Amino acid sequence: MTVRPIKRGKVFLVGAGPGDPELLTLKAARILCDADVVAYDELVSPEILALAPKGAERIPVGRRANGCRHHASRIHPAVIERALEGKVVVRLKGGDPFIFGRGGEEAMELAEANVPFEVVPGISAALGAAASTHIPLTHRDVATSVTFATAHLADDAKNAAGGATSQLPPTGTLVLYMGLGKLDETVAALVRSGRAPETPVAIVSHATLHDERTLTGTLVTIVALAAATPVPAPALIIVGDVVALAVASPAPHALALAVASGVTIAS
C-alpha cells in the first residue's frame, strides 16, 4: 500500500505596517496577493485587506486591550487548521509581527504544530508615528538610545505592582505601546524612575492615517491635556527631549519660492 504524504501549507506572519496602505512592504503585498486565507487583526485597514484575492477566506482574529475575544490559545486555531489543509495562510498583523504583535508566541505555536512558517517584517507603529509626526526617535545631540516598551503586561498581578514601567530607563527616548488607558499611572511611574517632570511627551493617535492626531505636553501636563482633549486609541506615547525637535515640513509653494529667489535650502 502506498502511503500518501500529508499535504501541509504554510503560514506567513506578515506585518501590515502602521496603518497607511502605502507603507506595506512589497514582499507583504506579493504574499497577500497569493493568499488562500487571511487571518487579520482589527487594526488592519480595508485597503490592505483588499489586496487579497476575492476568493480568499478572511478570518478576523483581532486582539485588543483585554485580549482576544475568540479563543484562548496563542494563535487562532483556524490558522493552524487551514495550514494543515495545505493552504497558504497570511496572518496579517498591524505594525511588525515581532514588536508587541504576539508574533513570537504565534511562531512558537506553529513550530510546536510542525507547521512551516515565515516572518515578513513590517514598519512598526513606533517608526510610523515618529516619521509621520517628524519626531526623530534618536538624535546625536539629544538621544542616543530608544526603548520600545508596553505599559500593559499580560499578568494582571504584575500590572498592579507597576511591573510594566518599574524598570524603564530614566534617559533616552521611550516609546510606550498600549499606555493610553493608564496614562496617569505610567506618567507617575516615569517620574518616580527619574524622568524630569518637564520631559516632553507626545501622544500620537491613529498614526499615518487620515485621522491622525497628536497631543503634546510634558510629563507634568500631559494627563490633564489628555483629559481635556481626549485622543482615541490606538495611540503611542513618545517620551523624551526628541519630542521638542519635531519640525513642520515646509509647504511646497514655499520651497518653490525659495528656489526661484535663489535661496539656499539646508537639508
Protein backbone atom coordinates (compact mmCIF):
# COMPACT_ATOMS: atom_id res chain seq x y z
CA MET A 1 0.00 0.00 0.00
CA THR A 2 1.31 3.44 -0.94
CA VAL A 3 1.16 5.98 1.85
CA ARG A 4 0.42 9.42 0.54
CA PRO A 5 2.32 12.23 2.31
CA ILE A 6 0.27 14.71 4.28
CA LYS A 7 0.00 17.96 2.39
CA ARG A 8 0.95 20.90 4.52
CA GLY A 9 0.55 24.54 3.71
CA LYS A 10 2.47 27.46 5.11
CA VAL A 11 1.75 30.38 7.40
CA PHE A 12 3.20 33.83 6.79
CA LEU A 13 3.34 36.11 9.83
CA VAL A 14 3.10 39.40 7.97
CA GLY A 15 3.50 42.94 9.26
CA ALA A 16 0.91 45.27 7.73
CA GLY A 17 2.71 48.42 8.85
CA PRO A 18 1.42 51.30 10.97
CA GLY A 19 -1.78 51.92 9.01
CA ASP A 20 -1.17 53.76 5.75
CA PRO A 21 -1.59 51.15 2.96
CA GLU A 22 1.34 52.68 1.04
CA LEU A 23 3.66 51.69 3.90
CA LEU A 24 3.05 47.99 3.28
CA THR A 25 6.25 46.30 2.05
CA LEU A 26 6.48 44.91 -1.47
CA LYS A 27 7.01 41.40 -0.11
CA ALA A 28 3.98 41.64 2.15
CA ALA A 29 1.83 42.82 -0.77
CA ARG A 30 3.05 39.99 -3.01
CA ILE A 31 2.36 37.30 -0.41
CA LEU A 32 -1.03 38.78 0.39
CA CYS A 33 -1.99 38.64 -3.29
CA ASP A 34 -1.28 34.87 -3.29
CA ALA A 35 -3.08 34.01 -0.06
CA ASP A 36 -5.72 31.32 0.27
CA VAL A 37 -6.61 32.53 3.76
CA VAL A 38 -6.08 35.87 5.50
CA ALA A 39 -6.35 35.92 9.29
CA TYR A 40 -6.21 39.61 10.18
CA ASP A 41 -6.06 41.90 13.18
CA GLU A 42 -8.74 44.50 13.78
CA LEU A 43 -6.35 47.37 13.06
CA VAL A 44 -5.54 46.26 9.52
CA SER A 45 -7.15 48.63 7.02
CA PRO A 46 -9.76 47.52 4.46
CA GLU A 47 -7.46 48.87 1.72
CA ILE A 48 -4.75 46.39 2.68
CA LEU A 49 -7.23 43.52 3.02
CA ALA A 50 -8.48 44.31 -0.49
CA LEU A 51 -5.13 43.13 -1.88
CA ALA A 52 -6.04 39.51 -1.09
CA PRO A 53 -7.75 37.53 -3.87
CA LYS A 54 -11.54 37.87 -3.92
CA GLY A 55 -11.90 34.16 -3.27
CA ALA A 56 -9.58 34.13 -0.27
CA GLU A 57 -11.12 33.28 3.07
CA ARG A 58 -10.95 36.20 5.51
CA ILE A 59 -10.91 35.48 9.24
CA PRO A 60 -10.97 38.32 11.82
CA VAL A 61 -8.75 37.28 14.70
CA GLY A 62 -8.20 40.64 16.37
CA ARG A 63 -6.76 41.08 19.82
CA ARG A 64 -7.34 44.42 21.52
CA ALA A 65 -6.95 45.72 25.07
CA ASN A 66 -8.28 42.86 27.21
CA GLY A 67 -7.14 40.10 24.90
CA CYS A 68 -8.73 38.04 22.17
CA ARG A 69 -12.43 37.51 22.30
CA HIS A 70 -12.37 34.48 20.01
CA HIS A 71 -10.02 31.94 21.60
CA ALA A 72 -7.64 31.24 24.46
CA SER A 73 -4.65 29.84 22.55
CA ARG A 74 -1.68 31.87 21.36
CA ILE A 75 -2.73 31.66 17.73
CA HIS A 76 -6.22 31.34 16.28
CA PRO A 77 -6.97 27.60 15.78
CA ALA A 78 -8.22 28.27 12.25
CA VAL A 79 -4.75 29.41 11.20
CA ILE A 80 -3.23 26.02 12.01
CA GLU A 81 -6.26 24.14 10.67
CA ARG A 82 -6.09 25.85 7.27
CA ALA A 83 -2.33 25.36 7.02
CA LEU A 84 -2.70 21.65 7.77
CA GLU A 85 -5.20 21.53 4.90
CA GLY A 86 -2.40 22.64 2.59
CA LYS A 87 -3.40 26.28 2.26
CA VAL A 88 -1.27 29.42 2.18
CA VAL A 89 -2.30 31.39 5.25
CA VAL A 90 -1.38 35.02 5.84
CA ARG A 91 -1.53 36.00 9.49
CA LEU A 92 -1.76 39.75 8.97
CA LYS A 93 -0.71 41.92 11.89
CA GLY A 94 -0.57 45.65 12.41
CA GLY A 95 2.92 47.13 12.56
CA ASP A 96 5.63 44.48 12.84
CA PRO A 97 4.81 40.92 13.97
CA PHE A 98 7.68 40.76 16.45
CA ILE A 99 7.15 44.14 18.15
CA PHE A 100 4.25 43.77 20.59
CA GLY A 101 2.34 41.83 17.94
CA ARG A 102 2.45 38.43 19.66
CA GLY A 103 4.39 37.15 16.67
CA GLY A 104 6.86 35.31 18.86
CA GLU A 105 4.11 33.46 20.69
CA GLU A 106 2.36 32.52 17.45
CA ALA A 107 5.63 31.37 15.85
CA MET A 108 6.25 29.07 18.82
CA GLU A 109 2.82 27.51 18.49
CA LEU A 110 3.27 27.00 14.74
CA ALA A 111 6.61 25.29 15.37
CA GLU A 112 5.03 23.04 18.01
CA ALA A 113 2.34 22.05 15.48
CA ASN A 114 5.05 21.36 12.87
CA VAL A 115 3.56 23.97 10.53
CA PRO A 116 6.05 25.72 8.20
CA PHE A 117 6.04 29.48 8.65
CA GLU A 118 7.87 32.61 7.57
CA VAL A 119 8.04 36.04 9.18
CA VAL A 120 7.66 39.10 6.97
CA PRO A 121 8.65 42.26 8.85
CA GLY A 122 6.64 45.45 8.68
CA ILE A 123 7.18 49.08 9.58
CA SER A 124 6.38 49.23 13.28
CA ALA A 125 3.82 51.59 14.76
CA ALA A 126 6.63 53.42 16.58
CA LEU A 127 8.61 54.08 13.40
CA GLY A 128 5.48 55.09 11.53
CA ALA A 129 4.36 57.50 14.25
CA ALA A 130 7.81 59.07 14.51
CA ALA A 131 8.12 59.61 10.76
CA SER A 132 4.58 60.91 10.42
CA THR A 133 5.00 63.47 13.21
CA HIS A 134 8.62 64.34 12.34
CA ILE A 135 9.80 63.29 15.79
CA PRO A 136 13.29 61.75 15.47
CA LEU A 137 13.47 58.82 17.86
CA THR A 138 17.25 59.24 18.07
CA HIS A 139 19.39 62.35 17.66
CA ARG A 140 23.13 62.72 18.19
CA ASP A 141 22.72 65.78 20.39
CA VAL A 142 19.66 64.68 22.36
CA ALA A 143 19.05 60.92 22.47
CA THR A 144 21.47 58.12 21.65
CA SER A 145 19.08 55.35 22.61
CA VAL A 146 15.43 54.45 22.17
CA THR A 147 13.35 51.97 24.15
CA PHE A 148 10.14 50.33 22.94
CA ALA A 149 8.02 49.21 25.88
CA THR A 150 4.50 48.21 26.78
CA ALA A 151 2.56 49.88 29.55
CA HIS A 152 0.40 46.78 29.95
CA LEU A 153 1.64 43.30 30.84
CA ALA A 154 -0.21 40.03 30.32
CA ASP A 155 -0.01 39.29 34.04
CA ASP A 156 -2.58 41.43 35.90
CA ALA A 157 -0.74 40.97 39.20
CA LYS A 158 2.46 42.39 37.73
CA ASN A 159 0.48 45.28 36.25
CA ALA A 160 -0.91 46.09 39.67
CA ALA A 161 2.64 46.12 41.05
CA GLY A 162 3.78 48.55 38.35
CA GLY A 163 5.81 45.87 36.59
CA ALA A 164 5.39 47.33 33.12
CA THR A 165 7.06 50.65 33.92
CA SER A 166 9.11 49.97 37.05
CA GLN A 167 12.32 49.11 35.18
CA LEU A 168 12.24 51.59 32.28
CA PRO A 169 15.44 53.59 31.72
CA PRO A 170 15.46 57.18 33.05
CA THR A 171 17.17 58.54 29.93
CA GLY A 172 16.83 58.24 26.16
CA THR A 173 13.70 58.16 24.05
CA LEU A 174 10.86 56.00 25.28
CA VAL A 175 8.00 54.76 23.09
CA LEU A 176 5.12 53.23 25.01
CA TYR A 177 2.59 50.92 23.42
CA MET A 178 -0.84 50.35 24.97
CA GLY A 179 -0.41 53.10 27.53
CA LEU A 180 -3.35 55.39 26.90
CA GLY A 181 -5.73 53.62 29.30
CA LYS A 182 -3.40 54.06 32.28
CA LEU A 183 -1.64 57.28 31.32
CA ASP A 184 -1.73 58.77 34.82
CA GLU A 185 -0.13 55.70 36.39
CA THR A 186 2.50 55.50 33.67
CA VAL A 187 3.48 59.15 33.95
CA ALA A 188 3.78 58.89 37.74
CA ALA A 189 5.96 55.80 37.41
CA LEU A 190 8.26 57.53 34.91
CA VAL A 191 8.77 60.50 37.23
CA ARG A 192 9.47 58.13 40.13
CA SER A 193 12.04 56.31 37.99
CA GLY A 194 13.99 59.53 37.43
CA ARG A 195 12.44 61.27 34.43
CA ALA A 196 12.24 65.05 34.88
CA PRO A 197 8.64 66.34 35.16
CA GLU A 198 9.33 68.80 32.30
CA THR A 199 10.29 65.99 29.90
CA PRO A 200 8.39 66.47 26.61
CA VAL A 201 5.68 63.95 25.74
CA ALA A 202 3.67 63.31 22.59
CA ILE A 203 0.60 61.11 22.22
CA VAL A 204 0.13 60.05 18.60
CA SER A 205 -3.27 58.61 17.73
CA HIS A 206 -4.02 56.70 14.50
CA ALA A 207 -0.50 57.34 13.22
CA THR A 208 -0.04 57.62 9.42
CA LEU A 209 -3.80 57.62 8.78
CA HIS A 210 -6.01 60.46 7.56
CA ASP A 211 -7.42 60.97 11.07
CA GLU A 212 -4.04 61.07 12.81
CA ARG A 213 -3.93 63.32 15.88
CA THR A 214 -1.00 64.40 18.02
CA LEU A 215 -1.18 65.84 21.52
CA THR A 216 2.00 67.26 23.06
CA GLY A 217 2.89 68.33 26.57
CA THR A 218 5.23 67.29 29.37
CA LEU A 219 5.14 64.58 31.98
CA VAL A 220 3.60 67.10 34.39
CA THR A 221 0.91 68.36 31.97
CA ILE A 222 0.07 65.52 29.60
CA VAL A 223 -2.52 63.80 31.81
CA ALA A 224 -4.61 66.96 32.17
CA LEU A 225 -4.23 67.74 28.47
CA ALA A 226 -5.37 64.25 27.50
CA ALA A 227 -8.37 64.56 29.81
CA ALA A 228 -9.33 67.91 28.28
CA THR A 229 -8.70 66.83 24.70
CA PRO A 230 -9.18 63.06 24.51
CA VAL A 231 -7.45 61.21 21.69
CA PRO A 232 -8.77 57.84 20.51
CA ALA A 233 -6.91 54.55 20.65
CA PRO A 234 -4.80 53.11 19.21
CA ALA A 235 -2.17 55.58 20.30
CA LEU A 236 1.53 55.62 21.08
CA ILE A 237 3.20 57.69 23.78
CA ILE A 238 6.61 59.13 22.91
CA VAL A 239 8.62 60.44 25.87
CA GLY A 240 11.90 62.32 25.63
CA ASP A 241 13.62 65.51 24.56
CA VAL A 242 13.34 64.45 20.91
CA VAL A 243 9.64 65.38 21.03
CA ALA A 244 10.68 69.03 21.18
CA LEU A 245 12.67 68.59 17.93
CA ALA A 246 9.61 67.89 15.78
CA VAL A 247 9.54 70.28 12.85
CA ALA A 248 6.85 71.05 10.30
CA SER A 249 7.66 70.35 6.68
CA PRO A 250 7.80 73.50 4.53
CA ALA A 251 4.83 73.89 2.21
CA PRO A 252 5.58 73.04 -1.44
CA HIS A 253 4.92 76.63 -2.56
CA ALA A 254 7.44 77.91 -0.01
CA LEU A 255 10.09 75.62 -1.46
CA ALA A 256 9.29 76.77 -4.98
CA LEU A 257 9.57 80.43 -3.97
CA ALA A 258 12.87 79.82 -2.22
CA VAL A 259 14.37 78.12 -5.26
CA ALA A 260 13.08 80.80 -7.58
CA SER A 261 14.65 83.52 -5.47
CA GLY A 262 17.99 81.75 -5.21
CA VAL A 263 17.71 80.98 -1.51
CA THR A 264 19.81 78.03 -0.34
CA ILE A 265 17.76 75.38 1.48
CA ALA A 266 19.77 73.50 4.14
CA SER A 267 18.96 69.80 4.41
